[in-house]
Protein backbone atom coordinates (compact mmCIF):
# COMPACT_ATOMS: atom_id res chain seq x y z
CA MET A 1 171.49 125.78 220.49
CA LYS A 2 170.28 127.88 223.40
CA ARG A 3 171.21 127.13 226.98
CA SER A 4 167.59 126.31 227.90
CA GLU A 5 167.42 123.75 225.07
CA LYS A 6 170.66 122.15 226.24
CA GLU A 7 169.37 121.95 229.81
CA GLN A 8 166.16 120.35 228.58
CA ILE A 9 168.10 117.73 226.58
CA ILE A 10 170.34 117.02 229.59
CA ALA A 11 167.25 116.54 231.78
CA GLU A 12 165.64 114.20 229.20
CA VAL A 13 168.78 112.10 228.85
CA LYS A 14 169.22 111.95 232.63
CA GLU A 15 165.63 110.72 232.99
CA LYS A 16 166.19 108.06 230.32
CA ILE A 17 169.40 106.94 232.05
CA GLU A 18 167.58 106.57 235.37
CA GLN A 19 164.68 104.63 233.82
CA ALA A 20 166.69 102.37 231.51
CA LYS A 21 167.63 98.85 232.51
CA SER A 22 170.32 98.87 229.85
CA MET A 23 172.18 101.34 227.64
CA TYR A 24 174.33 100.73 224.59
CA PHE A 25 176.63 103.52 223.37
CA ALA A 26 177.57 103.09 219.71
CA ASP A 27 179.61 104.92 217.09
CA PHE A 28 177.36 105.31 214.07
CA THR A 29 179.99 106.77 211.73
CA GLY A 30 179.55 105.45 208.19
CA ILE A 31 175.95 104.29 208.58
CA THR A 32 173.48 105.48 205.96
CA VAL A 33 170.14 107.09 206.73
CA GLU A 34 168.32 103.98 205.47
CA GLN A 35 170.34 101.77 207.80
CA VAL A 36 169.66 104.00 210.80
CA THR A 37 165.95 104.00 209.91
CA GLU A 38 165.99 100.19 209.79
CA LEU A 39 167.77 100.07 213.16
CA ARG A 40 165.32 102.50 214.76
CA ARG A 41 162.38 100.45 213.43
CA GLU A 42 163.76 97.30 215.06
CA PHE A 43 164.37 99.19 218.31
CA ARG A 44 160.79 100.51 218.38
CA LYS A 45 159.41 96.95 218.11
CA SER A 46 161.18 96.07 221.38
CA ASN A 47 160.45 99.33 223.28
CA VAL A 48 164.02 100.58 222.90
CA ASP A 49 164.77 104.30 222.56
CA TYR A 50 167.60 105.35 220.27
CA ARG A 51 168.94 108.88 220.62
CA VAL A 52 171.83 110.74 219.11
CA VAL A 53 172.96 113.46 221.51
CA LYS A 54 176.09 115.58 221.70
CA ASN A 55 178.76 113.96 223.84
CA THR A 56 179.06 117.02 226.09
CA LEU A 57 175.36 116.89 226.90
CA VAL A 58 175.46 113.13 227.56
CA ARG A 59 178.52 113.65 229.75
CA LYS A 60 176.66 116.25 231.85
CA ALA A 61 173.64 113.95 232.17
CA LEU A 62 175.86 111.04 233.25
CA GLU A 63 177.64 113.22 235.80
CA ASN A 64 174.26 113.87 237.43
CA VAL A 65 173.69 110.12 237.89
CA ALA A 66 176.04 108.13 240.15
CA GLY A 67 177.95 105.07 238.97
CA TYR A 68 178.69 105.90 235.34
CA ASP A 69 182.19 107.37 235.60
CA LYS A 70 183.69 104.59 233.43
CA ILE A 71 181.60 105.72 230.45
CA LEU A 72 182.78 109.32 230.33
CA ASP A 73 186.12 108.60 228.62
CA LYS A 74 184.35 106.57 225.89
CA LEU A 75 182.26 109.55 224.77
CA VAL A 76 184.39 110.43 221.75
CA GLY A 77 183.23 110.86 218.17
CA HIS A 78 179.67 110.31 217.00
CA THR A 79 177.60 108.59 219.67
CA GLY A 80 174.13 107.07 219.52
CA ILE A 81 172.55 105.62 222.64
CA ALA A 82 170.06 102.76 222.77
CA PHE A 83 168.02 102.76 226.00
CA GLY A 84 166.43 99.40 226.90
CA TYR A 85 163.50 99.58 229.29
CA ASP A 86 161.65 96.24 229.36
CA ASP A 87 164.34 93.73 228.48
CA PRO A 88 167.96 94.71 229.10
CA VAL A 89 169.27 92.18 226.55
CA ALA A 90 166.91 93.09 223.67
CA PRO A 91 168.98 96.03 222.37
CA ALA A 92 172.11 93.85 222.33
CA LYS A 93 170.35 91.21 220.24
CA ILE A 94 169.06 93.87 217.82
CA ILE A 95 172.48 95.50 217.49
CA LYS A 96 174.19 92.14 216.97
CA LYS A 97 171.70 91.21 214.25
CA PHE A 98 172.16 94.63 212.64
CA ARG A 99 175.95 94.29 212.75
CA GLU A 100 175.75 90.99 210.89
CA LYS A 101 174.30 92.92 207.91
CA HIS A 102 176.12 96.23 208.37
CA GLU A 103 179.54 96.02 209.98
CA THR A 104 179.90 99.79 210.28
CA LEU A 105 178.19 100.08 213.70
CA LYS A 106 180.73 99.89 216.53
CA VAL A 107 179.61 99.56 220.14
CA LYS A 108 181.68 101.60 222.60
CA VAL A 109 180.12 100.67 225.94
CA CYS A 110 177.31 98.42 227.21
CA VAL A 111 175.51 99.05 230.51
CA LEU A 112 173.26 96.37 232.01
CA GLU A 113 171.55 97.04 235.33
CA LYS A 114 174.19 99.71 236.13
CA GLN A 115 177.09 97.31 235.36
CA VAL A 116 179.44 98.79 232.74
CA PHE A 117 180.93 96.47 230.08
CA ASP A 118 183.25 97.17 227.19
CA GLY A 119 181.64 97.26 223.74
CA SER A 120 183.62 94.19 222.69
CA GLN A 121 181.46 92.11 225.05
CA LEU A 122 178.27 92.79 223.07
CA ASP A 123 178.23 89.29 221.55
CA GLN A 124 178.35 87.64 224.99
CA ILE A 125 175.59 89.93 226.24
CA ALA A 126 173.45 89.17 223.18
CA LYS A 127 173.71 85.44 224.00
CA LEU A 128 172.07 85.96 227.41
CA PRO A 129 168.45 84.83 227.59
CA SER A 130 165.83 87.54 227.30
CA ARG A 131 163.48 88.33 230.15
CA LEU A 132 160.66 86.28 228.60
CA GLU A 133 162.98 83.32 227.99
CA MET A 134 164.09 83.41 231.63
CA ILE A 135 160.48 83.54 232.85
CA ALA A 136 159.57 80.61 230.59
CA GLY A 137 162.52 78.62 231.94
CA ILE A 138 161.56 79.32 235.54
CA LEU A 139 157.94 78.40 234.93
CA GLY A 140 159.04 75.22 233.17
CA SER A 141 161.22 74.31 236.16
CA ILE A 142 158.34 74.93 238.53
CA GLN A 143 155.85 73.04 236.39
CA ALA A 144 158.05 69.94 235.86
CA PRO A 145 157.76 68.56 239.44
CA ILE A 146 154.03 69.30 239.50
CA SER A 147 153.43 67.38 236.27
CA GLY A 148 155.54 64.54 237.70
CA VAL A 149 153.30 64.40 240.79
CA VAL A 150 150.19 64.41 238.61
CA GLY A 151 151.65 61.55 236.54
CA ALA A 152 152.50 59.55 239.68
CA VAL A 153 149.01 60.03 241.15
CA GLY A 154 147.49 59.02 237.80
CA ALA A 155 149.67 55.89 237.71
CA VAL A 156 148.62 54.92 241.25
CA MET A 157 144.95 55.35 240.30
CA ARG A 158 145.43 53.34 237.10
CA ASP A 159 147.20 50.54 239.03
CA LEU A 160 144.42 50.51 241.64
CA VAL A 161 141.79 50.19 238.91
CA ASN A 162 143.77 47.33 237.32
CA VAL A 163 144.03 45.51 240.68
CA ILE A 164 140.27 45.90 241.34
CA ASP A 165 139.54 44.72 237.79
CA ALA A 166 141.78 41.67 238.28
CA ILE A 167 140.07 40.80 241.60
CA GLU A 168 136.65 41.11 239.94
CA LYS A 169 137.71 38.77 237.11
CA LYS A 170 139.02 36.24 239.65
CA LYS A 171 135.76 36.24 241.59
CA ALA A 172 133.76 35.88 238.37
CA ALA A 173 135.89 32.89 237.31
């Protein structure tokens, strides 16, 4: 590989690192081509990039971005990187689901919003709610008091109508 090609790969990886909300570094030793294809397909559905890059090139890209010193010593052996852009938890859920079928994938390091976690914490990360689930929960929390107010106003109106109806019946009798 020529020096210019290496520099281009380093620049691409650096850009992905800066844009990603999460990164998952995994050892893909022992995984078949069909399994990797299946994993990539699942990643694409969730707007997750999966790249296999030489450790030396990833190391140089990480050195150009501050805050990732803890990852450098984990870059040993075959390394594939999943970059999550929209939802930082989505790649963890995909990897966890994939690992249930194929136990050969080992996660080295997880990075969420520039916080570095050991790969053994993948299961806890995968249990976190996704971005859409969090938004739905927040909207539900906001909507609950409003629907309570609407119900209370409706009950007051219904009671008022019942009182007026009762007064009308009394006068008619």
